[in-house]
Amino acid sequence: MKELIARLREREGRVTPQRLAVIRALLNNDNHPSAEDIYRELKPQFPTMSFATVYKTIDKLKALREVLELQFRDGSNRYDGMRPTPHTHVGCTRCGKIVDLDVDPPTEAVVSAARDLGFHLMGMRFDLYGTCAECLRERT
């Protein structure tokens, strides 16, 4: 946390209590929150904080590669501050829950195949989708 704050200060100058709260919300949350989730969580503590503050802080953390952005079809970007490097996720298409998997995809074969097609890769993301156990129980 101290190193991250030092890097942010180096790049952006001062770090406000609101920015610190956004950072803590990302680093201490394994639920992959959206910017809206973080805003709703922190608004009671910081009533004058704007949504723009949350979004800009996340954007700065993305630029420092301290947050991994997960984009989904429904338009709800979610963020992973606990593991900001590419890794595998499994998501529930019903409730939206996202869980980190400790198993990485077969990256060598995938990267090699993409390069063989002439692609210059800038990043990678591997996600699995389905219905979680809780949602399956609710259906029955």
N, C-alpha and C. Protein backbone atom coordinates (compact mmCIF):
# COMPACT_ATOMS: atom_id res chain seq x y z
N MET A 1 0.83 -1.20 0.00
CA MET A 1 0.00 0.00 0.00
C MET A 1 0.88 1.26 0.00
N LYS A 2 1.92 1.25 0.84
CA LYS A 2 2.81 2.42 0.92
C LYS A 2 3.49 2.69 -0.41
N GLU A 3 3.95 1.62 -1.07
CA GLU A 3 4.61 1.79 -2.37
C GLU A 3 3.64 2.34 -3.41
N LEU A 4 2.42 1.85 -3.39
CA LEU A 4 1.40 2.32 -4.33
C LEU A 4 1.11 3.79 -4.11
N ILE A 5 0.96 4.20 -2.87
CA ILE A 5 0.69 5.60 -2.56
C ILE A 5 1.88 6.47 -2.98
N ALA A 6 3.10 5.98 -2.76
CA ALA A 6 4.29 6.73 -3.18
C ALA A 6 4.31 6.89 -4.70
N ARG A 7 3.98 5.84 -5.44
CA ARG A 7 3.95 5.92 -6.91
C ARG A 7 2.86 6.88 -7.37
N LEU A 8 1.72 6.86 -6.70
CA LEU A 8 0.63 7.76 -7.07
C LEU A 8 1.01 9.21 -6.78
N ARG A 9 1.64 9.46 -5.65
CA ARG A 9 2.09 10.82 -5.32
C ARG A 9 3.12 11.30 -6.32
N GLU A 10 4.02 10.41 -6.71
CA GLU A 10 5.05 10.75 -7.67
C GLU A 10 4.44 11.17 -9.00
N ARG A 11 3.38 10.53 -9.37
CA ARG A 11 2.75 10.79 -10.66
C ARG A 11 1.70 11.91 -10.59
N GLU A 12 0.95 11.96 -9.51
CA GLU A 12 -0.21 12.86 -9.43
C GLU A 12 -0.11 13.96 -8.39
N GLY A 13 0.91 13.93 -7.56
CA GLY A 13 0.98 14.94 -6.50
C GLY A 13 0.33 14.43 -5.23
N ARG A 14 -0.60 15.18 -4.71
CA ARG A 14 -1.19 14.81 -3.43
C ARG A 14 -2.22 13.68 -3.56
N VAL A 15 -2.35 12.95 -2.47
CA VAL A 15 -3.32 11.87 -2.41
C VAL A 15 -4.32 12.23 -1.31
N THR A 16 -5.56 12.42 -1.71
CA THR A 16 -6.60 12.86 -0.77
C THR A 16 -7.16 11.68 0.03
N PRO A 17 -7.85 11.96 1.13
CA PRO A 17 -8.50 10.88 1.88
C PRO A 17 -9.50 10.09 1.03
N GLN A 18 -10.16 10.77 0.10
CA GLN A 18 -11.11 10.08 -0.78
C GLN A 18 -10.38 9.09 -1.69
N ARG A 19 -9.28 9.53 -2.25
CA ARG A 19 -8.49 8.62 -3.10
C ARG A 19 -7.97 7.43 -2.30
N LEU A 20 -7.51 7.70 -1.09
CA LEU A 20 -7.03 6.61 -0.23
C LEU A 20 -8.16 5.61 0.04
N ALA A 21 -9.35 6.11 0.27
CA ALA A 21 -10.49 5.23 0.53
C ALA A 21 -10.81 4.37 -0.69
N VAL A 22 -10.72 4.95 -1.88
CA VAL A 22 -10.96 4.19 -3.12
C VAL A 22 -9.90 3.10 -3.25
N ILE A 23 -8.65 3.44 -2.99
CA ILE A 23 -7.56 2.46 -3.07
C ILE A 23 -7.81 1.32 -2.09
N ARG A 24 -8.15 1.66 -0.85
CA ARG A 24 -8.43 0.61 0.15
C ARG A 24 -9.61 -0.27 -0.28
N ALA A 25 -10.64 0.35 -0.83
CA ALA A 25 -11.81 -0.42 -1.27
C ALA A 25 -11.43 -1.42 -2.36
N LEU A 26 -10.51 -1.06 -3.21
CA LEU A 26 -10.07 -1.96 -4.27
C LEU A 26 -9.12 -3.05 -3.75
N LEU A 27 -8.21 -2.67 -2.89
CA LEU A 27 -7.22 -3.62 -2.40
C LEU A 27 -7.79 -4.61 -1.39
N ASN A 28 -8.89 -4.26 -0.75
CA ASN A 28 -9.45 -5.12 0.28
C ASN A 28 -10.75 -5.79 -0.14
N ASN A 29 -11.00 -5.89 -1.43
CA ASN A 29 -12.27 -6.40 -1.91
C ASN A 29 -12.04 -7.47 -2.97
N ASP A 30 -12.41 -8.70 -2.65
CA ASP A 30 -12.23 -9.77 -3.64
C ASP A 30 -13.49 -10.02 -4.47
N ASN A 31 -14.47 -9.12 -4.36
CA ASN A 31 -15.72 -9.26 -5.11
C ASN A 31 -15.68 -8.59 -6.48
N HIS A 32 -14.54 -8.03 -6.87
CA HIS A 32 -14.40 -7.37 -8.17
C HIS A 32 -15.47 -6.28 -8.33
N PRO A 33 -15.41 -5.24 -7.49
CA PRO A 33 -16.46 -4.21 -7.52
C PRO A 33 -16.42 -3.35 -8.77
N SER A 34 -17.55 -2.78 -9.09
CA SER A 34 -17.62 -1.77 -10.14
C SER A 34 -17.31 -0.41 -9.51
N ALA A 35 -17.09 0.60 -10.34
CA ALA A 35 -16.88 1.96 -9.82
C ALA A 35 -18.11 2.41 -9.04
N GLU A 36 -19.30 2.03 -9.54
CA GLU A 36 -20.55 2.38 -8.86
C GLU A 36 -20.63 1.73 -7.48
N ASP A 37 -20.18 0.47 -7.38
CA ASP A 37 -20.17 -0.23 -6.08
C ASP A 37 -19.29 0.51 -5.08
N ILE A 38 -18.12 0.92 -5.53
CA ILE A 38 -17.19 1.63 -4.64
C ILE A 38 -17.77 2.97 -4.24
N TYR A 39 -18.35 3.67 -5.19
CA TYR A 39 -18.97 4.97 -4.89
C TYR A 39 -20.07 4.82 -3.83
N ARG A 40 -20.95 3.84 -4.03
CA ARG A 40 -22.03 3.62 -3.04
C ARG A 40 -21.49 3.25 -1.67
N GLU A 41 -20.41 2.47 -1.65
CA GLU A 41 -19.80 2.06 -0.38
C GLU A 41 -19.20 3.25 0.37
N LEU A 42 -18.57 4.16 -0.36
CA LEU A 42 -17.83 5.25 0.27
C LEU A 42 -18.65 6.53 0.47
N LYS A 43 -19.75 6.68 -0.25
CA LYS A 43 -20.55 7.91 -0.19
C LYS A 43 -20.98 8.28 1.23
N PRO A 44 -21.43 7.32 2.07
CA PRO A 44 -21.80 7.72 3.44
C PRO A 44 -20.63 8.29 4.24
N GLN A 45 -19.44 7.77 3.98
CA GLN A 45 -18.25 8.24 4.69
C GLN A 45 -17.75 9.58 4.13
N PHE A 46 -17.96 9.79 2.82
CA PHE A 46 -17.51 11.01 2.15
C PHE A 46 -18.67 11.59 1.35
N PRO A 47 -19.61 12.28 2.00
CA PRO A 47 -20.82 12.75 1.33
C PRO A 47 -20.59 13.73 0.18
N THR A 48 -19.46 14.43 0.20
CA THR A 48 -19.20 15.39 -0.88
C THR A 48 -18.38 14.79 -2.03
N MET A 49 -18.01 13.54 -1.90
CA MET A 49 -17.23 12.88 -2.94
C MET A 49 -18.08 12.65 -4.19
N SER A 50 -17.50 12.90 -5.35
CA SER A 50 -18.23 12.69 -6.60
C SER A 50 -17.87 11.33 -7.19
N PHE A 51 -18.73 10.87 -8.08
CA PHE A 51 -18.45 9.63 -8.79
C PHE A 51 -17.18 9.80 -9.63
N ALA A 52 -16.95 11.00 -10.13
CA ALA A 52 -15.76 11.28 -10.94
C ALA A 52 -14.48 11.01 -10.16
N THR A 53 -14.49 11.29 -8.87
CA THR A 53 -13.31 11.02 -8.03
C THR A 53 -12.99 9.53 -8.02
N VAL A 54 -14.01 8.71 -7.88
CA VAL A 54 -13.81 7.25 -7.88
C VAL A 54 -13.28 6.81 -9.23
N TYR A 55 -13.92 7.25 -10.28
CA TYR A 55 -13.55 6.82 -11.62
C TYR A 55 -12.14 7.29 -11.98
N LYS A 56 -11.81 8.53 -11.67
CA LYS A 56 -10.47 9.05 -11.99
C LYS A 56 -9.38 8.34 -11.20
N THR A 57 -9.69 8.01 -9.94
CA THR A 57 -8.71 7.28 -9.13
C THR A 57 -8.46 5.89 -9.71
N ILE A 58 -9.54 5.22 -10.10
CA ILE A 58 -9.40 3.90 -10.73
C ILE A 58 -8.59 4.02 -12.02
N ASP A 59 -8.87 5.05 -12.79
CA ASP A 59 -8.16 5.26 -14.05
C ASP A 59 -6.66 5.45 -13.81
N LYS A 60 -6.32 6.20 -12.79
CA LYS A 60 -4.91 6.41 -12.47
C LYS A 60 -4.25 5.11 -12.01
N LEU A 61 -4.98 4.31 -11.25
CA LEU A 61 -4.44 3.02 -10.80
C LEU A 61 -4.27 2.06 -11.97
N LYS A 62 -5.18 2.14 -12.93
CA LYS A 62 -5.03 1.32 -14.14
C LYS A 62 -3.76 1.71 -14.89
N ALA A 63 -3.50 3.01 -14.99
CA ALA A 63 -2.31 3.50 -15.69
C ALA A 63 -1.03 3.02 -14.99
N LEU A 64 -1.09 2.86 -13.68
CA LEU A 64 0.05 2.36 -12.91
C LEU A 64 0.11 0.83 -12.90
N ARG A 65 -0.88 0.19 -13.54
CA ARG A 65 -1.01 -1.27 -13.58
C ARG A 65 -1.19 -1.87 -12.19
N GLU A 66 -1.95 -1.14 -11.37
CA GLU A 66 -2.24 -1.60 -10.01
C GLU A 66 -3.67 -2.11 -9.89
N VAL A 67 -4.44 -1.98 -10.96
CA VAL A 67 -5.82 -2.47 -10.99
C VAL A 67 -6.05 -3.12 -12.35
N LEU A 68 -6.71 -4.26 -12.32
CA LEU A 68 -7.07 -4.95 -13.55
C LEU A 68 -8.53 -4.66 -13.85
N GLU A 69 -8.81 -4.13 -15.03
CA GLU A 69 -10.18 -3.82 -15.43
C GLU A 69 -10.78 -5.02 -16.16
N LEU A 70 -11.96 -5.41 -15.75
CA LEU A 70 -12.68 -6.51 -16.38
C LEU A 70 -13.92 -5.93 -17.04
N GLN A 71 -13.97 -5.99 -18.35
CA GLN A 71 -15.11 -5.45 -19.10
C GLN A 71 -16.05 -6.58 -19.47
N PHE A 72 -17.36 -6.32 -19.35
CA PHE A 72 -18.36 -7.34 -19.63
C PHE A 72 -19.38 -6.83 -20.62
N ARG A 73 -20.06 -7.78 -21.26
CA ARG A 73 -21.04 -7.46 -22.30
C ARG A 73 -22.11 -6.50 -21.82
N ASP A 74 -22.51 -6.63 -20.56
CA ASP A 74 -23.60 -5.78 -20.07
C ASP A 74 -23.14 -4.35 -19.78
N GLY A 75 -21.87 -4.06 -20.06
CA GLY A 75 -21.36 -2.70 -19.89
C GLY A 75 -20.87 -2.38 -18.50
N SER A 76 -20.92 -3.34 -17.59
CA SER A 76 -20.48 -3.07 -16.23
C SER A 76 -19.02 -3.47 -16.06
N ASN A 77 -18.14 -2.50 -16.09
CA ASN A 77 -16.73 -2.78 -15.86
C ASN A 77 -16.54 -3.04 -14.38
N ARG A 78 -15.74 -4.04 -14.09
CA ARG A 78 -15.44 -4.40 -12.71
C ARG A 78 -13.93 -4.33 -12.55
N TYR A 79 -13.46 -4.26 -11.32
CA TYR A 79 -12.05 -4.02 -11.08
C TYR A 79 -11.49 -5.00 -10.06
N ASP A 80 -10.26 -5.43 -10.31
CA ASP A 80 -9.56 -6.35 -9.44
C ASP A 80 -8.30 -5.66 -8.95
N GLY A 81 -8.32 -5.22 -7.70
CA GLY A 81 -7.15 -4.57 -7.11
C GLY A 81 -6.29 -5.54 -6.32
N MET A 82 -6.84 -6.72 -6.03
CA MET A 82 -6.09 -7.70 -5.25
C MET A 82 -5.09 -8.46 -6.11
N ARG A 83 -5.46 -8.71 -7.37
CA ARG A 83 -4.58 -9.40 -8.32
C ARG A 83 -4.60 -8.60 -9.62
N PRO A 84 -3.77 -7.54 -9.71
CA PRO A 84 -3.85 -6.64 -10.87
C PRO A 84 -3.16 -7.15 -12.13
N THR A 85 -2.70 -8.38 -12.14
CA THR A 85 -2.10 -8.94 -13.35
C THR A 85 -3.08 -9.90 -14.00
N PRO A 86 -2.96 -10.13 -15.29
CA PRO A 86 -3.91 -11.01 -15.97
C PRO A 86 -3.97 -12.41 -15.33
N HIS A 87 -5.18 -12.87 -15.09
CA HIS A 87 -5.43 -14.20 -14.55
C HIS A 87 -6.84 -14.63 -14.92
N THR A 88 -7.15 -15.87 -14.67
CA THR A 88 -8.42 -16.43 -15.08
C THR A 88 -9.53 -16.10 -14.07
N HIS A 89 -10.71 -15.77 -14.62
CA HIS A 89 -11.90 -15.51 -13.80
C HIS A 89 -13.03 -16.43 -14.25
N VAL A 90 -13.92 -16.73 -13.33
CA VAL A 90 -15.16 -17.41 -13.69
C VAL A 90 -16.29 -16.52 -13.18
N GLY A 91 -17.28 -16.26 -14.05
CA GLY A 91 -18.35 -15.33 -13.71
C GLY A 91 -19.72 -15.96 -13.88
N CYS A 92 -20.62 -15.58 -12.99
CA CYS A 92 -22.00 -16.05 -13.06
C CYS A 92 -22.80 -15.08 -13.94
N THR A 93 -23.44 -15.63 -14.96
CA THR A 93 -24.21 -14.80 -15.88
C THR A 93 -25.55 -14.40 -15.28
N ARG A 94 -25.91 -14.98 -14.17
CA ARG A 94 -27.20 -14.66 -13.54
C ARG A 94 -27.06 -13.56 -12.48
N CYS A 95 -26.16 -13.75 -11.52
CA CYS A 95 -26.04 -12.79 -10.41
C CYS A 95 -24.86 -11.82 -10.58
N GLY A 96 -23.94 -12.14 -11.49
CA GLY A 96 -22.81 -11.24 -11.74
C GLY A 96 -21.59 -11.50 -10.88
N LYS A 97 -21.64 -12.50 -10.01
CA LYS A 97 -20.48 -12.79 -9.15
C LYS A 97 -19.30 -13.18 -10.01
N ILE A 98 -18.09 -12.71 -9.62
CA ILE A 98 -16.85 -13.03 -10.32
C ILE A 98 -15.88 -13.61 -9.30
N VAL A 99 -15.26 -14.71 -9.66
CA VAL A 99 -14.31 -15.37 -8.76
C VAL A 99 -12.99 -15.58 -9.49
N ASP A 100 -11.89 -15.34 -8.79
CA ASP A 100 -10.57 -15.61 -9.34
C ASP A 100 -10.33 -17.12 -9.33
N LEU A 101 -9.76 -17.63 -10.40
CA LEU A 101 -9.34 -19.03 -10.44
C LEU A 101 -7.82 -19.07 -10.31
N ASP A 102 -7.33 -20.03 -9.57
CA ASP A 102 -5.89 -20.17 -9.39
C ASP A 102 -5.26 -21.00 -10.49
N VAL A 103 -6.02 -21.31 -11.51
CA VAL A 103 -5.52 -22.06 -12.65
C VAL A 103 -5.43 -21.10 -13.84
N ASP A 104 -4.25 -21.02 -14.41
CA ASP A 104 -4.08 -20.12 -15.55
C ASP A 104 -4.38 -20.85 -16.85
N PRO A 105 -4.83 -20.12 -17.86
CA PRO A 105 -5.13 -20.75 -19.15
C PRO A 105 -3.83 -21.22 -19.82
N PRO A 106 -3.93 -22.03 -20.84
CA PRO A 106 -2.74 -22.51 -21.55
C PRO A 106 -2.15 -21.38 -22.40
N THR A 107 -1.48 -20.45 -21.76
CA THR A 107 -1.07 -19.21 -22.42
C THR A 107 -0.08 -19.42 -23.55
N GLU A 108 0.87 -20.31 -23.39
CA GLU A 108 1.88 -20.48 -24.45
C GLU A 108 1.23 -20.86 -25.77
N ALA A 109 0.30 -21.80 -25.74
CA ALA A 109 -0.37 -22.23 -26.98
C ALA A 109 -1.22 -21.10 -27.55
N VAL A 110 -1.93 -20.36 -26.69
CA VAL A 110 -2.80 -19.28 -27.14
C VAL A 110 -1.97 -18.15 -27.73
N VAL A 111 -0.93 -17.74 -27.04
CA VAL A 111 -0.07 -16.66 -27.52
C VAL A 111 0.59 -17.06 -28.84
N SER A 112 1.08 -18.27 -28.91
CA SER A 112 1.73 -18.75 -30.13
C SER A 112 0.76 -18.74 -31.31
N ALA A 113 -0.47 -19.22 -31.08
CA ALA A 113 -1.47 -19.25 -32.15
C ALA A 113 -1.81 -17.84 -32.63
N ALA A 114 -1.95 -16.89 -31.71
CA ALA A 114 -2.27 -15.51 -32.08
C ALA A 114 -1.12 -14.89 -32.87
N ARG A 115 0.10 -15.15 -32.45
CA ARG A 115 1.27 -14.60 -33.16
C ARG A 115 1.39 -15.22 -34.55
N ASP A 116 1.07 -16.52 -34.65
CA ASP A 116 1.10 -17.18 -35.96
C ASP A 116 0.11 -16.53 -36.93
N LEU A 117 -0.94 -15.92 -36.39
CA LEU A 117 -1.92 -15.22 -37.23
C LEU A 117 -1.49 -13.79 -37.55
N GLY A 118 -0.32 -13.39 -37.03
CA GLY A 118 0.21 -12.07 -37.33
C GLY A 118 -0.17 -10.99 -36.33
N PHE A 119 -0.74 -11.37 -35.19
CA PHE A 119 -1.14 -10.38 -34.19
C PHE A 119 0.04 -9.97 -33.32
N HIS A 120 0.11 -8.68 -33.03
CA HIS A 120 1.01 -8.15 -32.01
C HIS A 120 0.16 -8.00 -30.75
N LEU A 121 0.41 -8.81 -29.76
CA LEU A 121 -0.45 -8.83 -28.57
C LEU A 121 -0.07 -7.73 -27.59
N MET A 122 -1.11 -7.09 -27.03
CA MET A 122 -0.91 -6.05 -26.02
C MET A 122 -1.42 -6.50 -24.66
N GLY A 123 -2.18 -7.57 -24.63
CA GLY A 123 -2.70 -8.06 -23.37
C GLY A 123 -3.49 -9.33 -23.61
N MET A 124 -3.99 -9.88 -22.51
CA MET A 124 -4.72 -11.12 -22.62
C MET A 124 -5.73 -11.20 -21.48
N ARG A 125 -6.83 -11.89 -21.77
CA ARG A 125 -7.83 -12.10 -20.75
C ARG A 125 -8.55 -13.40 -21.05
N PHE A 126 -8.71 -14.22 -20.03
CA PHE A 126 -9.38 -15.50 -20.19
C PHE A 126 -10.43 -15.62 -19.11
N ASP A 127 -11.69 -15.66 -19.49
CA ASP A 127 -12.79 -15.75 -18.53
C ASP A 127 -13.69 -16.91 -18.88
N LEU A 128 -14.23 -17.53 -17.88
CA LEU A 128 -15.21 -18.58 -18.04
C LEU A 128 -16.54 -18.04 -17.54
N TYR A 129 -17.64 -18.42 -18.17
CA TYR A 129 -18.96 -17.95 -17.79
C TYR A 129 -19.87 -19.14 -17.53
N GLY A 130 -20.80 -18.95 -16.63
CA GLY A 130 -21.76 -19.99 -16.32
C GLY A 130 -22.69 -19.52 -15.23
N THR A 131 -23.32 -20.46 -14.56
CA THR A 131 -24.23 -20.16 -13.46
C THR A 131 -23.60 -20.70 -12.18
N CYS A 132 -23.50 -19.85 -11.17
CA CYS A 132 -22.86 -20.25 -9.91
C CYS A 132 -23.76 -21.21 -9.12
N ALA A 133 -23.17 -21.87 -8.14
CA ALA A 133 -23.89 -22.86 -7.34
C ALA A 133 -25.09 -22.25 -6.61
N GLU A 134 -24.93 -21.02 -6.09
CA GLU A 134 -26.04 -20.38 -5.37
C GLU A 134 -27.23 -20.12 -6.30
N CYS A 135 -26.95 -19.63 -7.49
CA CYS A 135 -28.03 -19.36 -8.45
C CYS A 135 -28.68 -20.66 -8.92
N LEU A 136 -27.90 -21.72 -9.07
CA LEU A 136 -28.47 -23.01 -9.45
C LEU A 136 -29.39 -23.54 -8.35
N ARG A 137 -29.00 -23.35 -7.09
CA ARG A 137 -29.86 -23.78 -5.96
C ARG A 137 -31.16 -23.00 -5.94
N GLU A 138 -31.09 -21.69 -6.25
CA GLU A 138 -32.29 -20.86 -6.25
C GLU A 138 -33.26 -21.30 -7.35
N ARG A 139 -32.74 -21.79 -8.45
CA ARG A 139 -33.59 -22.22 -9.58
C ARG A 139 -34.38 -23.48 -9.26
N THR A 140 -33.81 -24.34 -8.40
CA THR A 140 -34.48 -25.62 -8.12
C THR A 140 -35.36 -25.55 -6.91
